[in-house]
Amino acid sequence: MFQGFKEFIAKGNVIDLAVAVVIGAAFSAIIAALVDNLINPLIGLVFNAQDLNHVKLGVIGIGAIIGAVINFLAVALIVYFVFVLPMNKYKEHQAAKNPAVEEETLPSEQELLIEIRDALRKNAAG
């Protein structure tokens, strides 16, 4: 029972996921601070409010929704430019340095069945 748990924990993807969650939480705090202290006040000036959380469209707190969208887009933008784009460039660079060896193409199931049928006919005929 514990052996299976140790194997599960030792897998690289579990460790990668844990690191991603921790880094995501740290970036989320940074982005939230930027949105709350820079973007919200600037947009609040446009709407003549203290910050986005106080912007209302009638009784609907539209400012909080706009703030959440801005926060999400900021996190997605940073994750893309800090993690995804460099990792893709790195993978492209590695692929260019080490071109993949093309595997020989295997026959399809239908081709194998035809070969088997022909071999059986040949053996039955003589």
N, C-alpha and C. Protein backbone atom coordinates (compact mmCIF):
# COMPACT_ATOMS: atom_id res chain seq x y z
N MET A 1 0.82 -1.19 0.00
CA MET A 1 0.00 0.00 0.00
C MET A 1 0.87 1.25 0.00
N PHE A 2 1.87 1.30 0.88
CA PHE A 2 2.72 2.48 0.94
C PHE A 2 3.67 2.55 -0.25
N GLN A 3 4.02 1.40 -0.83
CA GLN A 3 4.90 1.38 -1.99
C GLN A 3 4.24 2.10 -3.17
N GLY A 4 2.95 1.81 -3.38
CA GLY A 4 2.23 2.49 -4.45
C GLY A 4 2.15 3.99 -4.23
N PHE A 5 1.96 4.39 -2.97
CA PHE A 5 1.91 5.82 -2.64
C PHE A 5 3.26 6.47 -2.91
N LYS A 6 4.36 5.79 -2.53
CA LYS A 6 5.70 6.34 -2.77
C LYS A 6 5.96 6.50 -4.26
N GLU A 7 5.52 5.53 -5.06
CA GLU A 7 5.71 5.62 -6.51
C GLU A 7 4.90 6.77 -7.09
N PHE A 8 3.69 6.95 -6.58
CA PHE A 8 2.84 8.05 -7.04
C PHE A 8 3.49 9.40 -6.74
N ILE A 9 3.99 9.57 -5.53
CA ILE A 9 4.61 10.82 -5.12
C ILE A 9 5.92 11.06 -5.87
N ALA A 10 6.65 10.00 -6.15
CA ALA A 10 7.95 10.14 -6.79
C ALA A 10 7.86 10.46 -8.28
N LYS A 11 6.67 10.31 -8.87
CA LYS A 11 6.54 10.60 -10.30
C LYS A 11 6.83 12.07 -10.54
N GLY A 12 7.49 12.37 -11.64
CA GLY A 12 7.85 13.74 -11.95
C GLY A 12 6.67 14.67 -12.13
N ASN A 13 5.58 14.17 -12.70
CA ASN A 13 4.44 15.05 -12.96
C ASN A 13 3.77 15.50 -11.68
N VAL A 14 3.83 14.71 -10.61
CA VAL A 14 3.25 15.13 -9.34
C VAL A 14 4.07 16.27 -8.76
N ILE A 15 5.38 16.14 -8.83
CA ILE A 15 6.27 17.19 -8.34
C ILE A 15 6.09 18.46 -9.17
N ASP A 16 6.02 18.31 -10.49
CA ASP A 16 5.81 19.47 -11.37
C ASP A 16 4.50 20.18 -11.04
N LEU A 17 3.47 19.41 -10.78
CA LEU A 17 2.18 20.00 -10.44
C LEU A 17 2.26 20.77 -9.13
N ALA A 18 2.93 20.20 -8.15
CA ALA A 18 3.07 20.88 -6.86
C ALA A 18 3.83 22.20 -7.02
N VAL A 19 4.90 22.18 -7.79
CA VAL A 19 5.67 23.40 -8.04
C VAL A 19 4.80 24.42 -8.76
N ALA A 20 4.02 23.98 -9.73
CA ALA A 20 3.16 24.90 -10.48
C ALA A 20 2.13 25.56 -9.58
N VAL A 21 1.57 24.79 -8.64
CA VAL A 21 0.58 25.36 -7.72
C VAL A 21 1.21 26.42 -6.84
N VAL A 22 2.39 26.13 -6.31
CA VAL A 22 3.07 27.09 -5.43
C VAL A 22 3.45 28.35 -6.19
N ILE A 23 4.02 28.19 -7.38
CA ILE A 23 4.41 29.35 -8.17
C ILE A 23 3.17 30.12 -8.62
N GLY A 24 2.11 29.41 -8.97
CA GLY A 24 0.88 30.08 -9.35
C GLY A 24 0.31 30.92 -8.22
N ALA A 25 0.37 30.40 -7.00
CA ALA A 25 -0.12 31.17 -5.84
C ALA A 25 0.73 32.41 -5.63
N ALA A 26 2.04 32.28 -5.80
CA ALA A 26 2.92 33.44 -5.63
C ALA A 26 2.65 34.49 -6.70
N PHE A 27 2.50 34.06 -7.94
CA PHE A 27 2.19 35.01 -9.01
C PHE A 27 0.82 35.64 -8.82
N SER A 28 -0.11 34.87 -8.32
CA SER A 28 -1.44 35.40 -8.09
C SER A 28 -1.39 36.55 -7.08
N ALA A 29 -0.58 36.39 -6.05
CA ALA A 29 -0.45 37.46 -5.05
C ALA A 29 0.17 38.70 -5.67
N ILE A 30 1.17 38.52 -6.52
CA ILE A 30 1.81 39.67 -7.18
C ILE A 30 0.82 40.37 -8.10
N ILE A 31 0.11 39.60 -8.90
CA ILE A 31 -0.84 40.19 -9.84
C ILE A 31 -1.98 40.87 -9.09
N ALA A 32 -2.46 40.25 -8.01
CA ALA A 32 -3.52 40.87 -7.22
C ALA A 32 -3.07 42.22 -6.67
N ALA A 33 -1.82 42.29 -6.22
CA ALA A 33 -1.28 43.55 -5.70
C ALA A 33 -1.21 44.60 -6.81
N LEU A 34 -0.77 44.19 -7.99
CA LEU A 34 -0.71 45.13 -9.12
C LEU A 34 -2.09 45.62 -9.51
N VAL A 35 -3.03 44.71 -9.58
CA VAL A 35 -4.39 45.10 -9.97
C VAL A 35 -5.01 46.00 -8.91
N ASP A 36 -4.87 45.62 -7.63
CA ASP A 36 -5.49 46.39 -6.56
C ASP A 36 -4.86 47.77 -6.38
N ASN A 37 -3.55 47.86 -6.57
CA ASN A 37 -2.85 49.11 -6.25
C ASN A 37 -2.48 49.96 -7.45
N LEU A 38 -2.59 49.43 -8.64
CA LEU A 38 -2.24 50.21 -9.82
C LEU A 38 -3.40 50.31 -10.80
N ILE A 39 -3.89 49.18 -11.24
CA ILE A 39 -4.91 49.18 -12.29
C ILE A 39 -6.26 49.65 -11.75
N ASN A 40 -6.68 49.11 -10.60
CA ASN A 40 -7.97 49.53 -10.03
C ASN A 40 -8.04 51.04 -9.83
N PRO A 41 -7.05 51.67 -9.20
CA PRO A 41 -7.14 53.12 -9.02
C PRO A 41 -7.18 53.89 -10.34
N LEU A 42 -6.42 53.43 -11.34
CA LEU A 42 -6.43 54.12 -12.63
C LEU A 42 -7.79 54.02 -13.30
N ILE A 43 -8.38 52.83 -13.28
CA ILE A 43 -9.70 52.67 -13.89
C ILE A 43 -10.75 53.36 -13.02
N GLY A 44 -10.53 53.38 -11.71
CA GLY A 44 -11.44 54.09 -10.82
C GLY A 44 -11.50 55.57 -11.13
N LEU A 45 -10.35 56.13 -11.56
CA LEU A 45 -10.35 57.54 -11.97
C LEU A 45 -11.26 57.77 -13.17
N VAL A 46 -11.24 56.83 -14.10
CA VAL A 46 -12.08 56.96 -15.29
C VAL A 46 -13.56 56.94 -14.90
N PHE A 47 -13.91 56.06 -13.97
CA PHE A 47 -15.30 55.94 -13.55
C PHE A 47 -15.63 56.85 -12.36
N ASN A 48 -14.67 57.66 -11.95
CA ASN A 48 -14.86 58.59 -10.84
C ASN A 48 -15.28 57.85 -9.56
N ALA A 49 -14.52 56.78 -9.25
CA ALA A 49 -14.78 55.99 -8.05
C ALA A 49 -13.45 55.77 -7.33
N GLN A 50 -13.52 55.31 -6.08
CA GLN A 50 -12.32 55.08 -5.29
C GLN A 50 -11.45 53.99 -5.93
N ASP A 51 -12.06 52.91 -6.35
CA ASP A 51 -11.38 51.84 -7.09
C ASP A 51 -12.44 51.02 -7.83
N LEU A 52 -12.02 50.00 -8.51
CA LEU A 52 -12.95 49.20 -9.32
C LEU A 52 -14.03 48.55 -8.48
N ASN A 53 -13.73 48.19 -7.26
CA ASN A 53 -14.71 47.52 -6.41
C ASN A 53 -15.90 48.41 -6.08
N HIS A 54 -15.74 49.72 -6.24
CA HIS A 54 -16.83 50.65 -5.93
C HIS A 54 -17.57 51.12 -7.19
N VAL A 55 -17.14 50.64 -8.37
CA VAL A 55 -17.81 51.02 -9.61
C VAL A 55 -19.07 50.17 -9.74
N LYS A 56 -20.20 50.81 -9.92
CA LYS A 56 -21.47 50.10 -10.03
C LYS A 56 -22.23 50.59 -11.26
N LEU A 57 -22.92 49.67 -11.86
CA LEU A 57 -23.80 49.97 -12.97
C LEU A 57 -25.21 49.70 -12.44
N GLY A 58 -25.84 50.75 -11.94
CA GLY A 58 -27.11 50.58 -11.24
C GLY A 58 -26.82 49.93 -9.91
N VAL A 59 -27.36 48.73 -9.68
CA VAL A 59 -27.10 48.01 -8.43
C VAL A 59 -26.06 46.91 -8.61
N ILE A 60 -25.61 46.72 -9.84
CA ILE A 60 -24.66 45.65 -10.15
C ILE A 60 -23.24 46.17 -9.92
N GLY A 61 -22.46 45.42 -9.15
CA GLY A 61 -21.07 45.78 -8.89
C GLY A 61 -20.18 45.37 -10.05
N ILE A 62 -20.29 46.09 -11.14
CA ILE A 62 -19.56 45.76 -12.37
C ILE A 62 -18.06 45.90 -12.20
N GLY A 63 -17.64 46.78 -11.30
CA GLY A 63 -16.21 47.01 -11.09
C GLY A 63 -15.48 45.78 -10.59
N ALA A 64 -16.10 45.04 -9.66
CA ALA A 64 -15.46 43.82 -9.14
C ALA A 64 -15.31 42.78 -10.24
N ILE A 65 -16.30 42.72 -11.12
CA ILE A 65 -16.23 41.76 -12.24
C ILE A 65 -15.10 42.16 -13.19
N ILE A 66 -15.03 43.45 -13.51
CA ILE A 66 -13.95 43.93 -14.39
C ILE A 66 -12.60 43.67 -13.74
N GLY A 67 -12.49 43.89 -12.44
CA GLY A 67 -11.24 43.63 -11.73
C GLY A 67 -10.84 42.17 -11.78
N ALA A 68 -11.82 41.27 -11.63
CA ALA A 68 -11.53 39.84 -11.69
C ALA A 68 -11.06 39.43 -13.09
N VAL A 69 -11.70 40.01 -14.11
CA VAL A 69 -11.29 39.71 -15.48
C VAL A 69 -9.88 40.22 -15.74
N ILE A 70 -9.59 41.44 -15.30
CA ILE A 70 -8.25 42.00 -15.48
C ILE A 70 -7.22 41.14 -14.73
N ASN A 71 -7.57 40.72 -13.52
CA ASN A 71 -6.67 39.88 -12.74
C ASN A 71 -6.39 38.57 -13.47
N PHE A 72 -7.43 37.92 -13.99
CA PHE A 72 -7.25 36.67 -14.72
C PHE A 72 -6.37 36.88 -15.96
N LEU A 73 -6.66 37.92 -16.73
CA LEU A 73 -5.89 38.18 -17.95
C LEU A 73 -4.43 38.50 -17.62
N ALA A 74 -4.21 39.22 -16.53
CA ALA A 74 -2.84 39.54 -16.14
C ALA A 74 -2.08 38.28 -15.75
N VAL A 75 -2.72 37.40 -14.99
CA VAL A 75 -2.07 36.14 -14.60
C VAL A 75 -1.79 35.29 -15.84
N ALA A 76 -2.77 35.18 -16.71
CA ALA A 76 -2.59 34.37 -17.93
C ALA A 76 -1.48 34.93 -18.80
N LEU A 77 -1.42 36.25 -18.92
CA LEU A 77 -0.38 36.90 -19.73
C LEU A 77 1.00 36.64 -19.16
N ILE A 78 1.14 36.79 -17.87
CA ILE A 78 2.45 36.56 -17.25
C ILE A 78 2.85 35.10 -17.33
N VAL A 79 1.92 34.19 -17.07
CA VAL A 79 2.24 32.76 -17.17
C VAL A 79 2.67 32.42 -18.59
N TYR A 80 1.99 32.99 -19.58
CA TYR A 80 2.35 32.70 -20.96
C TYR A 80 3.76 33.21 -21.28
N PHE A 81 4.03 34.47 -20.96
CA PHE A 81 5.32 35.05 -21.34
C PHE A 81 6.48 34.60 -20.46
N VAL A 82 6.21 34.23 -19.21
CA VAL A 82 7.28 33.82 -18.32
C VAL A 82 7.55 32.32 -18.39
N PHE A 83 6.49 31.52 -18.60
CA PHE A 83 6.67 30.07 -18.58
C PHE A 83 6.47 29.41 -19.94
N VAL A 84 5.33 29.62 -20.55
CA VAL A 84 4.97 28.87 -21.76
C VAL A 84 5.87 29.23 -22.94
N LEU A 85 5.97 30.51 -23.24
CA LEU A 85 6.77 30.93 -24.40
C LEU A 85 8.23 30.52 -24.28
N PRO A 86 8.91 30.79 -23.15
CA PRO A 86 10.30 30.33 -23.05
C PRO A 86 10.44 28.81 -23.13
N MET A 87 9.49 28.07 -22.54
CA MET A 87 9.57 26.61 -22.59
C MET A 87 9.40 26.11 -24.03
N ASN A 88 8.49 26.72 -24.78
CA ASN A 88 8.32 26.35 -26.19
C ASN A 88 9.58 26.64 -26.98
N LYS A 89 10.19 27.80 -26.74
CA LYS A 89 11.45 28.15 -27.44
C LYS A 89 12.55 27.15 -27.08
N TYR A 90 12.61 26.78 -25.80
CA TYR A 90 13.61 25.82 -25.36
C TYR A 90 13.40 24.46 -26.04
N LYS A 91 12.15 24.01 -26.10
CA LYS A 91 11.85 22.74 -26.75
C LYS A 91 12.20 22.77 -28.23
N GLU A 92 11.89 23.90 -28.90
CA GLU A 92 12.25 24.04 -30.31
C GLU A 92 13.76 23.99 -30.50
N HIS A 93 14.48 24.66 -29.61
CA HIS A 93 15.94 24.68 -29.67
C HIS A 93 16.50 23.27 -29.48
N GLN A 94 15.96 22.53 -28.50
CA GLN A 94 16.41 21.17 -28.25
C GLN A 94 16.08 20.26 -29.43
N ALA A 95 14.91 20.44 -30.02
CA ALA A 95 14.52 19.62 -31.17
C ALA A 95 15.43 19.90 -32.36
N ALA A 96 15.85 21.16 -32.52
CA ALA A 96 16.74 21.50 -33.63
C ALA A 96 18.13 20.90 -33.41
N LYS A 97 18.57 20.86 -32.15
CA LYS A 97 19.88 20.28 -31.84
C LYS A 97 19.87 18.77 -31.98
N ASN A 98 18.79 18.13 -31.63
CA ASN A 98 18.68 16.67 -31.64
C ASN A 98 17.49 16.26 -32.49
N PRO A 99 17.65 16.24 -33.81
CA PRO A 99 16.50 15.86 -34.64
C PRO A 99 16.05 14.44 -34.32
N ALA A 100 14.77 14.28 -34.27
CA ALA A 100 14.19 12.97 -33.94
C ALA A 100 14.46 11.98 -35.06
N VAL A 101 14.81 10.78 -34.68
CA VAL A 101 15.03 9.73 -35.66
C VAL A 101 13.66 9.21 -36.07
N GLU A 102 13.44 9.20 -37.37
CA GLU A 102 12.15 8.74 -37.87
C GLU A 102 12.04 7.23 -37.69
N GLU A 103 10.96 6.81 -37.07
CA GLU A 103 10.72 5.39 -36.91
C GLU A 103 10.17 4.85 -38.22
N GLU A 104 10.55 3.58 -38.52
CA GLU A 104 10.01 3.00 -39.73
C GLU A 104 8.51 2.79 -39.54
N THR A 105 7.80 3.07 -40.58
CA THR A 105 6.35 2.97 -40.47
C THR A 105 5.94 1.51 -40.48
N LEU A 106 5.09 1.16 -39.56
CA LEU A 106 4.60 -0.20 -39.45
C LEU A 106 3.39 -0.37 -40.36
N PRO A 107 3.18 -1.58 -40.84
CA PRO A 107 2.00 -1.80 -41.68
C PRO A 107 0.72 -1.67 -40.86
N SER A 108 -0.33 -1.28 -41.53
CA SER A 108 -1.61 -1.14 -40.84
C SER A 108 -2.18 -2.53 -40.55
N GLU A 109 -3.22 -2.55 -39.73
CA GLU A 109 -3.86 -3.82 -39.39
C GLU A 109 -4.39 -4.50 -40.65
N GLN A 110 -4.96 -3.70 -41.54
CA GLN A 110 -5.52 -4.28 -42.76
C GLN A 110 -4.42 -4.91 -43.61
N GLU A 111 -3.28 -4.24 -43.70
CA GLU A 111 -2.18 -4.80 -44.48
C GLU A 111 -1.68 -6.10 -43.85
N LEU A 112 -1.61 -6.15 -42.53
CA LEU A 112 -1.18 -7.38 -41.86
C LEU A 112 -2.18 -8.51 -42.09
N LEU A 113 -3.47 -8.19 -42.01
CA LEU A 113 -4.48 -9.23 -42.26
C LEU A 113 -4.41 -9.75 -43.68
N ILE A 114 -4.16 -8.89 -44.64
CA ILE A 114 -4.03 -9.32 -46.04
C ILE A 114 -2.82 -10.25 -46.19
N GLU A 115 -1.70 -9.89 -45.54
CA GLU A 115 -0.51 -10.74 -45.60
C GLU A 115 -0.79 -12.12 -44.99
N ILE A 116 -1.48 -12.13 -43.84
CA ILE A 116 -1.81 -13.40 -43.19
C ILE A 116 -2.72 -14.24 -44.08
N ARG A 117 -3.74 -13.59 -44.68
CA ARG A 117 -4.66 -14.30 -45.58
C ARG A 117 -3.90 -14.90 -46.76
N ASP A 118 -3.03 -14.12 -47.36
CA ASP A 118 -2.27 -14.62 -48.50
C ASP A 118 -1.35 -15.77 -48.11
N ALA A 119 -0.74 -15.67 -46.93
CA ALA A 119 0.15 -16.75 -46.46
C ALA A 119 -0.65 -18.02 -46.20
N LEU A 120 -1.85 -17.88 -45.62
CA LEU A 120 -2.70 -19.04 -45.37
C LEU A 120 -3.13 -19.69 -46.69
N ARG A 121 -3.51 -18.88 -47.67
CA ARG A 121 -3.90 -19.41 -48.98
C ARG A 121 -2.74 -20.16 -49.63
N LYS A 122 -1.56 -19.57 -49.52
CA LYS A 122 -0.37 -20.18 -50.14
C LYS A 122 -0.07 -21.53 -49.47
N ASN A 123 -0.17 -21.58 -48.14
CA ASN A 123 0.10 -22.83 -47.42
C ASN A 123 -1.00 -23.87 -47.73
N ALA A 124 -2.24 -23.43 -47.86
CA ALA A 124 -3.33 -24.36 -48.15
C ALA A 124 -3.22 -24.92 -49.57
N ALA A 125 -2.72 -24.10 -50.50
CA ALA A 125 -2.61 -24.52 -51.89
C ALA A 125 -1.46 -25.48 -52.10
N GLY A 126 -0.51 -25.44 -51.24
CA GLY A 126 0.47 -26.45 -51.47
C GLY A 126 1.83 -26.18 -51.07
